[in-house]
PDB file of all heavy atoms in Angstrom:
ATOM      1  N   GLY A   1      81.309-201.787 155.674  1.00  0.00           N
ATOM      2  CA  GLY A   1      81.995-202.378 156.804  1.00  0.00           C
ATOM      3  C   GLY A   1      83.440-201.987 156.956  1.00  0.00           C
ATOM      4  O   GLY A   1      84.152-202.531 157.810  1.00  0.00           O
ATOM      5  N   ASP A   2      83.929-201.022 156.134  1.00  0.00           N
ATOM      6  CA  ASP A   2      85.340-200.630 156.202  1.00  0.00           C
ATOM      7  C   ASP A   2      85.524-199.221 156.755  1.00  0.00           C
ATOM      8  O   ASP A   2      86.546-198.590 156.527  1.00  0.00           O
ATOM      9  CB  ASP A   2      85.989-200.725 154.816  1.00  0.00           C
ATOM     10  CG  ASP A   2      85.266-199.883 153.767  1.00  0.00           C
ATOM     11  OD1 ASP A   2      84.154-199.411 154.056  1.00  0.00           O
ATOM     12  OD2 ASP A   2      85.818-199.707 152.663  1.00  0.00           O
ATOM     13  N   GLY A   3      84.539-198.733 157.517  1.00  0.00           N
ATOM     14  CA  GLY A   3      84.628-197.386 158.076  1.00  0.00           C
ATOM     15  C   GLY A   3      85.609-197.301 159.231  1.00  0.00           C
ATOM     16  O   GLY A   3      85.735-198.226 160.040  1.00  0.00           O
ATOM     17  N   VAL A   4      86.314-196.178 159.299  1.00  0.00           N
ATOM     18  CA  VAL A   4      87.279-195.949 160.375  1.00  0.00           C
ATOM     19  C   VAL A   4      87.155-194.505 160.850  1.00  0.00           C
ATOM     20  O   VAL A   4      87.116-193.572 160.039  1.00  0.00           O
ATOM     21  CB  VAL A   4      88.730-196.205 159.919  1.00  0.00           C
ATOM     22  CG1 VAL A   4      89.718-195.862 161.043  1.00  0.00           C
ATOM     23  CG2 VAL A   4      88.905-197.649 159.479  1.00  0.00           C
ATOM     24  N   LEU A   5      87.090-194.325 162.164  1.00  0.00           N
ATOM     25  CA  LEU A   5      87.063-193.005 162.781  1.00  0.00           C
ATOM     26  C   LEU A   5      88.396-192.767 163.483  1.00  0.00           C
ATOM     27  O   LEU A   5      88.869-193.638 164.231  1.00  0.00           O
ATOM     28  CB  LEU A   5      85.917-192.902 163.785  1.00  0.00           C
ATOM     29  CG  LEU A   5      85.813-191.586 164.572  1.00  0.00           C
ATOM     30  CD1 LEU A   5      85.228-190.495 163.695  1.00  0.00           C
ATOM     31  CD2 LEU A   5      84.955-191.776 165.825  1.00  0.00           C
ATOM     32  N   ARG A   6      88.993-191.609 163.263  1.00  0.00           N
ATOM     33  CA  ARG A   6      90.258-191.260 163.924  1.00  0.00           C
ATOM     34  C   ARG A   6      89.991-190.194 164.969  1.00  0.00           C
ATOM     35  O   ARG A   6      89.271-189.230 164.714  1.00  0.00           O
ATOM     36  CB  ARG A   6      91.270-190.738 162.904  1.00  0.00           C
ATOM     37  CG  ARG A   6      92.632-190.384 163.528  1.00  0.00           C
ATOM     38  CD  ARG A   6      93.609-189.967 162.454  1.00  0.00           C
ATOM     39  NE  ARG A   6      93.266-188.660 161.904  1.00  0.00           N
ATOM     40  CZ  ARG A   6      93.745-187.506 162.370  1.00  0.00           C
ATOM     41  NH1 ARG A   6      94.585-187.496 163.385  1.00  0.00           N
ATOM     42  NH2 ARG A   6      93.390-186.356 161.811  1.00  0.00           N
ATOM     43  N   GLU A   7      90.589-190.372 166.138  1.00  0.00           N
ATOM     44  CA  GLU A   7      90.459-189.410 167.231  1.00  0.00           C
ATOM     45  C   GLU A   7      91.847-188.871 167.569  1.00  0.00           C
ATOM     46  O   GLU A   7      92.670-189.566 168.167  1.00  0.00           O
ATOM     47  CB  GLU A   7      89.826-190.078 168.449  1.00  0.00           C
ATOM     48  CG  GLU A   7      89.424-189.109 169.535  1.00  0.00           C
ATOM     49  CD  GLU A   7      88.619-189.786 170.625  1.00  0.00           C
ATOM     50  OE1 GLU A   7      87.396-189.947 170.451  1.00  0.00           O
ATOM     51  OE2 GLU A   7      89.234-190.167 171.633  1.00  0.00           O
ATOM     52  N   ALA A   8      92.125-187.634 167.148  1.00  0.00           N
ATOM     53  CA  ALA A   8      93.446-187.042 167.348  1.00  0.00           C
ATOM     54  C   ALA A   8      93.605-186.560 168.785  1.00  0.00           C
ATOM     55  O   ALA A   8      92.625-186.346 169.514  1.00  0.00           O
ATOM     56  CB  ALA A   8      93.650-185.882 166.375  1.00  0.00           C
ATOM     57  N   SER A   9      94.870-186.375 169.197  1.00  0.00           N
ATOM     58  CA  SER A   9      95.147-185.897 170.549  1.00  0.00           C
ATOM     59  C   SER A   9      94.600-184.498 170.786  1.00  0.00           C
ATOM     60  O   SER A   9      94.329-184.104 171.925  1.00  0.00           O
ATOM     61  CB  SER A   9      96.662-185.902 170.793  1.00  0.00           C
ATOM     62  OG  SER A   9      97.326-185.103 169.816  1.00  0.00           O
ATOM     63  N   SER A  10      94.406-183.738 169.700  1.00  0.00           N
ATOM     64  CA  SER A  10      93.857-182.390 169.800  1.00  0.00           C
ATOM     65  C   SER A  10      92.360-182.394 170.072  1.00  0.00           C
ATOM     66  O   SER A  10      91.763-181.346 170.343  1.00  0.00           O
ATOM     67  CB  SER A  10      94.141-181.613 168.514  1.00  0.00           C
ATOM     68  OG  SER A  10      93.509-182.236 167.405  1.00  0.00           O
ATOM     69  N   GLY A  11      91.755-183.581 169.987  1.00  0.00           N
ATOM     70  CA  GLY A  11      90.314-183.677 170.186  1.00  0.00           C
ATOM     71  C   GLY A  11      89.539-183.757 168.891  1.00  0.00           C
ATOM     72  O   GLY A  11      88.329-184.002 168.897  1.00  0.00           O
ATOM     73  N   LEU A  12      90.229-183.556 167.761  1.00  0.00           N
ATOM     74  CA  LEU A  12      89.571-183.643 166.459  1.00  0.00           C
ATOM     75  C   LEU A  12      89.177-185.080 166.178  1.00  0.00           C
ATOM     76  O   LEU A  12      89.979-186.001 166.315  1.00  0.00           O
ATOM     77  CB  LEU A  12      90.508-183.133 165.364  1.00  0.00           C
ATOM     78  CG  LEU A  12      89.993-183.253 163.925  1.00  0.00           C
ATOM     79  CD1 LEU A  12      88.787-182.350 163.713  1.00  0.00           C
ATOM     80  CD2 LEU A  12      91.106-182.923 162.931  1.00  0.00           C
ATOM     81  N   ARG A  13      87.939-185.286 165.789  1.00  0.00           N
ATOM     82  CA  ARG A  13      87.437-186.615 165.448  1.00  0.00           C
ATOM     83  C   ARG A  13      86.885-186.565 164.039  1.00  0.00           C
ATOM     84  O   ARG A  13      86.054-185.716 163.717  1.00  0.00           O
ATOM     85  CB  ARG A  13      86.361-187.051 166.442  1.00  0.00           C
ATOM     86  CG  ARG A  13      86.866-187.091 167.878  1.00  0.00           C
ATOM     87  CD  ARG A  13      85.748-187.237 168.889  1.00  0.00           C
ATOM     88  NE  ARG A  13      85.098-188.523 168.812  1.00  0.00           N
ATOM     89  CZ  ARG A  13      83.831-188.696 168.453  1.00  0.00           C
ATOM     90  NH1 ARG A  13      83.085-187.651 168.111  1.00  0.00           N
ATOM     91  NH2 ARG A  13      83.301-189.903 168.424  1.00  0.00           N
ATOM     92  N   GLU A  14      87.347-187.485 163.182  1.00  0.00           N
ATOM     93  CA  GLU A  14      86.932-187.462 161.791  1.00  0.00           C
ATOM     94  C   GLU A  14      86.945-188.862 161.201  1.00  0.00           C
ATOM     95  O   GLU A  14      87.711-189.729 161.620  1.00  0.00           O
ATOM     96  CB  GLU A  14      87.858-186.548 160.978  1.00  0.00           C
ATOM     97  CG  GLU A  14      89.321-186.938 161.050  1.00  0.00           C
ATOM     98  CD  GLU A  14      90.235-185.927 160.385  1.00  0.00           C
ATOM     99  OE1 GLU A  14      89.726-184.943 159.828  1.00  0.00           O
ATOM    100  OE2 GLU A  14      91.458-186.141 160.427  1.00  0.00           O
ATOM    101  N   VAL A  15      86.045-189.070 160.234  1.00  0.00           N
ATOM    102  CA  VAL A  15      86.000-190.337 159.507  1.00  0.00           C
ATOM    103  C   VAL A  15      87.095-190.309 158.446  1.00  0.00           C
ATOM    104  O   VAL A  15      87.116-189.408 157.599  1.00  0.00           O
ATOM    105  CB  VAL A  15      84.613-190.544 158.861  1.00  0.00           C
ATOM    106  CG1 VAL A  15      84.604-191.822 158.020  1.00  0.00           C
ATOM    107  CG2 VAL A  15      83.531-190.611 159.935  1.00  0.00           C
ATOM    108  N   VAL A  16      87.995-191.264 158.494  1.00  0.00           N
ATOM    109  CA  VAL A  16      89.116-191.289 157.556  1.00  0.00           C
ATOM    110  C   VAL A  16      88.978-192.400 156.514  1.00  0.00           C
ATOM    111  O   VAL A  16      89.759-192.476 155.568  1.00  0.00           O
ATOM    112  CB  VAL A  16      90.456-191.428 158.296  1.00  0.00           C
ATOM    113  CG1 VAL A  16      90.719-190.187 159.139  1.00  0.00           C
ATOM    114  CG2 VAL A  16      90.484-192.687 159.168  1.00  0.00           C
ATOM    115  N   ALA A  17      88.013-193.279 156.682  1.00  0.00           N
ATOM    116  CA  ALA A  17      87.754-194.326 155.701  1.00  0.00           C
ATOM    117  C   ALA A  17      86.274-194.719 155.802  1.00  0.00           C
ATOM    118  O   ALA A  17      85.717-194.747 156.898  1.00  0.00           O
ATOM    119  CB  ALA A  17      88.644-195.544 155.953  1.00  0.00           C
ATOM    120  N   PRO A  18      85.665-194.999 154.640  1.00  0.00           N
ATOM    121  CA  PRO A  18      86.179-194.855 153.283  1.00  0.00           C
ATOM    122  C   PRO A  18      86.511-193.389 152.962  1.00  0.00           C
ATOM    123  O   PRO A  18      85.949-192.470 153.568  1.00  0.00           O
ATOM    124  CB  PRO A  18      85.044-195.370 152.405  1.00  0.00           C
ATOM    125  CG  PRO A  18      84.106-196.088 153.306  1.00  0.00           C
ATOM    126  CD  PRO A  18      84.267-195.470 154.644  1.00  0.00           C
ATOM    127  N   LEU A  19      87.382-193.209 151.974  1.00  0.00           N
ATOM    128  CA  LEU A  19      87.839-191.864 151.642  1.00  0.00           C
ATOM    129  C   LEU A  19      86.683-190.948 151.247  1.00  0.00           C
ATOM    130  O   LEU A  19      86.659-189.769 151.622  1.00  0.00           O
ATOM    131  CB  LEU A  19      88.865-191.936 150.512  1.00  0.00           C
ATOM    132  CG  LEU A  19      89.518-190.612 150.098  1.00  0.00           C
ATOM    133  CD1 LEU A  19      90.253-189.990 151.276  1.00  0.00           C
ATOM    134  CD2 LEU A  19      90.467-190.830 148.920  1.00  0.00           C
ATOM    135  N   ALA A  20      85.713-191.476 150.519  1.00  0.00           N
ATOM    136  CA  ALA A  20      84.585-190.655 150.064  1.00  0.00           C
ATOM    137  C   ALA A  20      83.688-190.214 151.203  1.00  0.00           C
ATOM    138  O   ALA A  20      82.854-189.328 151.029  1.00  0.00           O
ATOM    139  CB  ALA A  20      83.762-191.412 149.015  1.00  0.00           C
ATOM    140  N   ALA A  21      83.854-190.817 152.387  1.00  0.00           N
ATOM    141  CA  ALA A  21      83.042-190.433 153.549  1.00  0.00           C
ATOM    142  C   ALA A  21      83.725-189.383 154.399  1.00  0.00           C
ATOM    143  O   ALA A  21      83.140-188.896 155.370  1.00  0.00           O
ATOM    144  CB  ALA A  21      82.727-191.660 154.402  1.00  0.00           C
ATOM    145  N   TYR A  22      84.950-189.017 154.043  1.00  0.00           N
ATOM    146  CA  TYR A  22      85.743-188.100 154.864  1.00  0.00           C
ATOM    147  C   TYR A  22      85.024-186.762 155.073  1.00  0.00           C
ATOM    148  O   TYR A  22      84.992-186.226 156.179  1.00  0.00           O
ATOM    149  CB  TYR A  22      87.101-187.881 154.219  1.00  0.00           C
ATOM    150  CG  TYR A  22      87.974-186.865 154.927  1.00  0.00           C
ATOM    151  CD1 TYR A  22      88.589-187.178 156.131  1.00  0.00           C
ATOM    152  CD2 TYR A  22      88.163-185.598 154.388  1.00  0.00           C
ATOM    153  CE1 TYR A  22      89.386-186.251 156.788  1.00  0.00           C
ATOM    154  CE2 TYR A  22      88.959-184.660 155.041  1.00  0.00           C
ATOM    155  CZ  TYR A  22      89.568-184.987 156.232  1.00  0.00           C
ATOM    156  OH  TYR A  22      90.343-184.064 156.876  1.00  0.00           O
ATOM    157  N   VAL A  23      84.462-186.232 154.016  1.00  0.00           N
ATOM    158  CA  VAL A  23      83.784-184.935 154.091  1.00  0.00           C
ATOM    159  C   VAL A  23      82.300-185.097 154.402  1.00  0.00           C
ATOM    160  O   VAL A  23      81.713-184.286 155.122  1.00  0.00           O
ATOM    161  CB  VAL A  23      83.958-184.160 152.768  1.00  0.00           C
ATOM    162  CG1 VAL A  23      83.153-182.858 152.785  1.00  0.00           C
ATOM    163  CG2 VAL A  23      85.434-183.853 152.525  1.00  0.00           C
ATOM    164  N   SER A  24      81.690-186.147 153.890  1.00  0.00           N
ATOM    165  CA  SER A  24      80.223-186.255 153.951  1.00  0.00           C
ATOM    166  C   SER A  24      79.678-186.784 155.275  1.00  0.00           C
ATOM    167  O   SER A  24      78.499-186.590 155.574  1.00  0.00           O
ATOM    168  CB  SER A  24      79.735-187.158 152.812  1.00  0.00           C
ATOM    169  OG  SER A  24      80.300-188.451 152.922  1.00  0.00           O
ATOM    170  N   VAL A  25      80.497-187.460 156.076  1.00  0.00           N
ATOM    171  CA  VAL A  25      80.014-188.034 157.339  1.00  0.00           C
ATOM    172  C   VAL A  25      80.689-187.325 158.507  1.00  0.00           C
ATOM    173  O   VAL A  25      81.910-187.355 158.640  1.00  0.00           O
ATOM    174  CB  VAL A  25      80.305-189.546 157.405  1.00  0.00           C
ATOM    175  CG1 VAL A  25      79.787-190.111 158.734  1.00  0.00           C
ATOM    176  CG2 VAL A  25      79.655-190.274 156.234  1.00  0.00           C
ATOM    177  N   ARG A  26      79.887-186.711 159.365  1.00  0.00           N
ATOM    178  CA  ARG A  26      80.411-185.962 160.509  1.00  0.00           C
ATOM    179  C   ARG A  26      80.504-186.851 161.748  1.00  0.00           C
ATOM    180  O   ARG A  26      79.723-187.791 161.916  1.00  0.00           O
ATOM    181  CB  ARG A  26      79.523-184.756 160.804  1.00  0.00           C
ATOM    182  CG  ARG A  26      79.469-183.735 159.675  1.00  0.00           C
ATOM    183  CD  ARG A  26      78.565-182.580 160.047  1.00  0.00           C
ATOM    184  NE  ARG A  26      78.517-181.558 159.011  1.00  0.00           N
ATOM    185  CZ  ARG A  26      79.380-180.568 158.898  1.00  0.00           C
ATOM    186  NH1 ARG A  26      80.357-180.454 159.791  1.00  0.00           N
ATOM    187  NH2 ARG A  26      79.280-179.676 157.933  1.00  0.00           N
ATOM    188  N   ALA A  27      81.452-186.507 162.609  1.00  0.00           N
ATOM    189  CA  ALA A  27      81.618-187.260 163.848  1.00  0.00           C
ATOM    190  C   ALA A  27      80.371-187.163 164.722  1.00  0.00           C
ATOM    191  O   ALA A  27      80.014-188.122 165.425  1.00  0.00           O
ATOM    192  CB  ALA A  27      82.840-186.750 164.605  1.00  0.00           C
ATOM    193  N   SER A  28      79.697-186.017 164.695  1.00  0.00           N
ATOM    194  CA  SER A  28      78.484-185.863 165.502  1.00  0.00           C
ATOM    195  C   SER A  28      77.388-186.824 165.043  1.00  0.00           C
ATOM    196  O   SER A  28      76.607-187.328 165.858  1.00  0.00           O
ATOM    197  CB  SER A  28      77.974-184.415 165.416  1.00  0.00           C
ATOM    198  OG  SER A  28      77.729-184.043 164.071  1.00  0.00           O
ATOM    199  N   THR A  29      77.334-187.085 163.733  1.00  0.00           N
ATOM    200  CA  THR A  29      76.358-188.049 163.212  1.00  0.00           C
ATOM    201  C   THR A  29      76.717-189.455 163.668  1.00  0.00           C
ATOM    202  O   THR A  29      75.833-190.257 164.012  1.00  0.00           O
ATOM    203  CB  THR A  29      76.309-187.985 161.679  1.00  0.00           C
ATOM    204  OG1 THR A  29      76.054-186.642 161.251  1.00  0.00           O
ATOM    205  CG2 THR A  29      75.214-188.889 161.128  1.00  0.00           C
ATOM    206  N   ILE A  30      78.012-189.760 163.679  1.00  0.00           N
ATOM    207  CA  ILE A  30      78.466-191.062 164.168  1.00  0.00           C
ATOM    208  C   ILE A  30      78.023-191.256 165.617  1.00  0.00           C
ATOM    209  O   ILE A  30      77.512-192.314 166.000  1.00  0.00           O
ATOM    210  CB  ILE A  30      80.002-191.167 164.073  1.00  0.00           C
ATOM    211  CG1 ILE A  30      80.454-191.075 162.615  1.00  0.00           C
ATOM    212  CG2 ILE A  30      80.500-192.445 164.732  1.00  0.00           C
ATOM    213  CD1 ILE A  30      79.988-192.199 161.750  1.00  0.00           C
ATOM    214  N   ASP A  31      78.209-190.229 166.440  1.00  0.00           N
ATOM    215  CA  ASP A  31      77.825-190.312 167.853  1.00  0.00           C
ATOM    216  C   ASP A  31      76.320-190.541 168.002  1.00  0.00           C
ATOM    217  O   ASP A  31      75.882-191.334 168.850  1.00  0.00           O
ATOM    218  CB  ASP A  31      78.234-189.041 168.584  1.00  0.00           C
ATOM    219  CG  ASP A  31      79.741-188.887 168.691  1.00  0.00           C
ATOM    220  OD1 ASP A  31      80.452-189.910 168.584  1.00  0.00           O
ATOM    221  OD2 ASP A  31      80.207-187.741 168.861  1.00  0.00           O
ATOM    222  N   ALA A  32      75.546-189.833 167.194  1.00  0.00           N
ATOM    223  CA  ALA A  32      74.086-189.978 167.267  1.00  0.00           C
ATOM    224  C   ALA A  32      73.660-191.392 166.904  1.00  0.00           C
ATOM    225  O   ALA A  32      72.778-191.983 167.552  1.00  0.00           O
ATOM    226  CB  ALA A  32      73.415-188.956 166.347  1.00  0.00           C
ATOM    227  N   LEU A  33      74.275-191.954 165.877  1.00  0.00           N
ATOM    228  CA  LEU A  33      73.944-193.321 165.461  1.00  0.00           C
ATOM    229  C   LEU A  33      74.370-194.335 166.521  1.00  0.00           C
ATOM    230  O   LEU A  33      73.647-195.293 166.812  1.00  0.00           O
ATOM    231  CB  LEU A  33      74.613-193.640 164.131  1.00  0.00           C
ATOM    232  CG  LEU A  33      74.077-192.879 162.909  1.00  0.00           C
ATOM    233  CD1 LEU A  33      74.982-193.099 161.705  1.00  0.00           C
ATOM    234  CD2 LEU A  33      72.646-193.319 162.583  1.00  0.00           C
ATOM    235  N   ALA A  34      75.549-194.128 167.108  1.00  0.00           N
ATOM    236  CA  ALA A  34      76.036-195.046 168.135  1.00  0.00           C
ATOM    237  C   ALA A  34      75.150-195.007 169.379  1.00  0.00           C
ATOM    238  O   ALA A  34      74.905-196.044 170.017  1.00  0.00           O
ATOM    239  CB  ALA A  34      77.471-194.695 168.495  1.00  0.00           C
ATOM    240  N   SER A  35      74.643-193.823 169.733  1.00  0.00           N
ATOM    241  CA  SER A  35      73.794-193.694 170.916  1.00  0.00           C
ATOM    242  C   SER A  35      72.457-194.408 170.744  1.00  0.00           C
ATOM    243  O   SER A  35      71.791-194.737 171.736  1.00  0.00           O
ATOM    244  CB  SER A  35      73.549-192.212 171.223  1.00  0.00           C
ATOM    245  OG  SER A  35      72.731-191.614 170.228  1.00  0.00           O
ATOM    246  N   ARG A  36      72.092-194.659 169.482  1.00  0.00           N
ATOM    247  CA  ARG A  36      70.829-195.350 169.206  1.00  0.00           C
ATOM    248  C   ARG A  36      71.054-196.813 168.820  1.00  0.00           C
ATOM    249  O   ARG A  36      70.145-197.483 168.311  1.00  0.00           O
ATOM    250  CB  ARG A  36      70.083-194.610 168.082  1.00  0.00           C
ATOM    251  CG  ARG A  36      69.863-193.138 168.368  1.00  0.00           C
ATOM    252  CD  ARG A  36      69.232-192.419 167.198  1.00  0.00           C
ATOM    253  NE  ARG A  36      67.823-192.748 167.063  1.00  0.00           N
ATOM    254  CZ  ARG A  36      67.063-192.300 166.043  1.00  0.00           C
ATOM    255  NH1 ARG A  36      67.583-191.511 165.112  1.00  0.00           N
ATOM    256  NH2 ARG A  36      65.796-192.646 165.981  1.00  0.00           N
ATOM    257  N   ASP A  37      72.292-197.283 169.028  1.00  0.00           N
ATOM    258  CA  ASP A  37      72.659-198.676 168.728  1.00  0.00           C
ATOM    259  C   ASP A  37      72.483-199.021 167.255  1.00  0.00           C
ATOM    260  O   ASP A  37      72.189-200.180 166.910  1.00  0.00           O
ATOM    261  CB  ASP A  37      71.835-199.656 169.589  1.00  0.00           C
ATOM    262  CG  ASP A  37      72.143-199.503 171.076  1.00  0.00           C
ATOM    263  OD1 ASP A  37      73.300-199.208 171.410  1.00  0.00           O
ATOM    264  OD2 ASP A  37      71.203-199.669 171.893  1.00  0.00           O
ATOM    265  N   LEU A  38      72.678-198.050 166.398  1.00  0.00           N
ATOM    266  CA  LEU A  38      72.622-198.292 164.953  1.00  0.00           C
ATOM    267  C   LEU A  38      74.017-198.451 164.360  1.00  0.00           C
ATOM    268  O   LEU A  38      74.170-198.848 163.204  1.00  0.00           O
ATOM    269  CB  LEU A  38      71.902-197.130 164.247  1.00  0.00           C
ATOM    270  CG  LEU A  38      70.474-196.847 164.735  1.00  0.00           C
ATOM    271  CD1 LEU A  38      69.878-195.665 163.966  1.00  0.00           C
ATOM    272  CD2 LEU A  38      69.597-198.082 164.584  1.00  0.00           C
ATOM    273  N   LEU A  39      75.024-198.157 165.188  1.00  0.00           N
ATOM    274  CA  LEU A  39      76.412-198.208 164.734  1.00  0.00           C
ATOM    275  C   LEU A  39      77.295-198.514 165.940  1.00  0.00           C
ATOM    276  O   LEU A  39      77.017-198.058 167.054  1.00  0.00           O
ATOM    277  CB  LEU A  39      76.804-196.857 164.121  1.00  0.00           C
ATOM    278  CG  LEU A  39      78.149-196.739 163.421  1.00  0.00           C
ATOM    279  CD1 LEU A  39      78.104-197.459 162.074  1.00  0.00           C
ATOM    280  CD2 LEU A  39      78.490-195.262 163.200  1.00  0.00           C
ATOM    281  N   THR A  40      78.345-199.283 165.742  1.00  0.00           N
ATOM    282  CA  THR A  40      79.286-199.573 166.822  1.00  0.00           C
ATOM    283  C   THR A  40      80.662-199.022 166.490  1.00  0.00           C
ATOM    284  O   THR A  40      81.047-198.947 165.313  1.00  0.00           O
ATOM    285  CB  THR A  40      79.409-201.092 167.075  1.00  0.00           C
ATOM    286  OG1 THR A  40      79.880-201.743 165.884  1.00  0.00           O
ATOM    287  CG2 THR A  40      78.073-201.677 167.481  1.00  0.00           C
ATOM    288  N   LEU A  41      81.385-198.604 167.524  1.00  0.00           N
ATOM    289  CA  LEU A  41      82.764-198.148 167.393  1.00  0.00           C
ATOM    290  C   LEU A  41      83.654-199.111 168.170  1.00  0.00           C
ATOM    291  O   LEU A  41      83.467-199.295 169.371  1.00  0.00           O
ATOM    292  CB  LEU A  41      82.939-196.727 167.944  1.00  0.00           C
ATOM    293  CG  LEU A  41      82.360-195.566 167.132  1.00  0.00           C
ATOM    294  CD1 LEU A  41      80.865-195.449 167.343  1.00  0.00           C
ATOM    295  CD2 LEU A  41      83.039-194.260 167.517  1.00  0.00           C
ATOM    296  N   THR A  42      84.620-199.714 167.496  1.00  0.00           N
ATOM    297  CA  THR A  42      85.504-200.686 168.112  1.00  0.00           C
ATOM    298  C   THR A  42      86.950-200.244 167.960  1.00  0.00           C
ATOM    299  O   THR A  42      87.406-200.006 166.832  1.00  0.00           O
ATOM    300  CB  THR A  42      85.331-202.074 167.456  1.00  0.00           C
ATOM    301  OG1 THR A  42      83.963-202.455 167.506  1.00  0.00           O
ATOM    302  CG2 THR A  42      86.190-203.105 168.163  1.00  0.00           C
ATOM    303  N   PRO A  43      87.702-200.085 169.075  1.00  0.00           N
ATOM    304  CA  PRO A  43      89.110-199.687 168.967  1.00  0.00           C
ATOM    305  C   PRO A  43      89.889-200.664 168.097  1.00  0.00           C
ATOM    306  O   PRO A  43      89.723-201.877 168.195  1.00  0.00           O
ATOM    307  CB  PRO A  43      89.594-199.723 170.423  1.00  0.00           C
ATOM    308  CG  PRO A  43      88.350-199.578 171.239  1.00  0.00           C
ATOM    309  CD  PRO A  43      87.268-200.272 170.480  1.00  0.00           C
ATOM    310  N   LEU A  44      90.754-200.130 167.233  1.00  0.00           N
ATOM    311  CA  LEU A  44      91.578-200.964 166.369  1.00  0.00           C
ATOM    312  C   LEU A  44      92.932-201.184 167.039  1.00  0.00           C
ATOM    313  O   LEU A  44      93.687-200.225 167.235  1.00  0.00           O
ATOM    314  CB  LEU A  44      91.761-200.292 165.002  1.00  0.00           C
ATOM    315  CG  LEU A  44      90.468-200.055 164.205  1.00  0.00           C
ATOM    316  CD1 LEU A  44      90.775-199.341 162.885  1.00  0.00           C
ATOM    317  CD2 LEU A  44      89.748-201.370 163.938  1.00  0.00           C
ATOM    318  N   PRO A  45      93.270-202.412 167.425  1.00  0.00           N
ATOM    319  CA  PRO A  45      94.497-202.657 168.180  1.00  0.00           C
ATOM    320  C   PRO A  45      95.767-202.257 167.438  1.00  0.00           C
ATOM    321  O   PRO A  45      96.761-201.867 168.055  1.00  0.00           O
ATOM    322  CB  PRO A  45      94.466-204.174 168.425  1.00  0.00           C
ATOM    323  CG  PRO A  45      93.312-204.712 167.699  1.00  0.00           C
ATOM    324  CD  PRO A  45      92.492-203.608 167.188  1.00  0.00           C
ATOM    325  N   THR A  46      95.747-202.349 166.103  1.00  0.00           N
ATOM    326  CA  THR A  46      96.957-202.020 165.328  1.00  0.00           C
ATOM    327  C   THR A  46      97.043-200.544 164.974  1.00  0.00           C
ATOM    328  O   THR A  46      98.056-200.106 164.427  1.00  0.00           O
ATOM    329  CB  THR A  46      96.987-202.848 164.036  1.00  0.00           C
ATOM    330  OG1 THR A  46      95.810-202.566 163.261  1.00  0.00           O
ATOM    331  CG2 THR A  46      97.040-204.340 164.353  1.00  0.00           C
ATOM    332  N   GLN A  47      95.986-199.782 165.281  1.00  0.00           N
ATOM    333  CA  GLN A  47      95.965-198.361 164.955  1.00  0.00           C
ATOM    334  C   GLN A  47      95.467-197.570 166.171  1.00  0.00           C
ATOM    335  O   GLN A  47      94.263-197.400 166.343  1.00  0.00           O
ATOM    336  CB  GLN A  47      95.069-198.074 163.747  1.00  0.00           C
ATOM    337  CG  GLN A  47      95.553-198.675 162.443  1.00  0.00           C
ATOM    338  CD  GLN A  47      94.594-198.369 161.309  1.00  0.00           C
ATOM    339  OE1 GLN A  47      93.616-199.083 161.071  1.00  0.00           O
ATOM    340  NE2 GLN A  47      94.867-197.281 160.601  1.00  0.00           N
ATOM    341  N   PRO A  48      96.376-197.105 167.001  1.00  0.00           N
ATOM    342  CA  PRO A  48      95.964-196.327 168.175  1.00  0.00           C
ATOM    343  C   PRO A  48      95.115-195.119 167.781  1.00  0.00           C
ATOM    344  O   PRO A  48      95.368-194.481 166.751  1.00  0.00           O
ATOM    345  CB  PRO A  48      97.297-195.893 168.789  1.00  0.00           C
ATOM    346  CG  PRO A  48      98.288-196.898 168.293  1.00  0.00           C
ATOM    347  CD  PRO A  48      97.833-197.268 166.920  1.00  0.00           C
TER     348      PRO A  48
END
């Protein structure tokens, strides 16, 4: 429950937390899971 996705102004999207997921989890996989309602993405108000 502590996962965080960062979306840079350059368009780069990457999982930045947990740290061990940085390399192993791709943004494209996140999108696929979200499209099937298996995962939700919620904007963090304190972290643009």
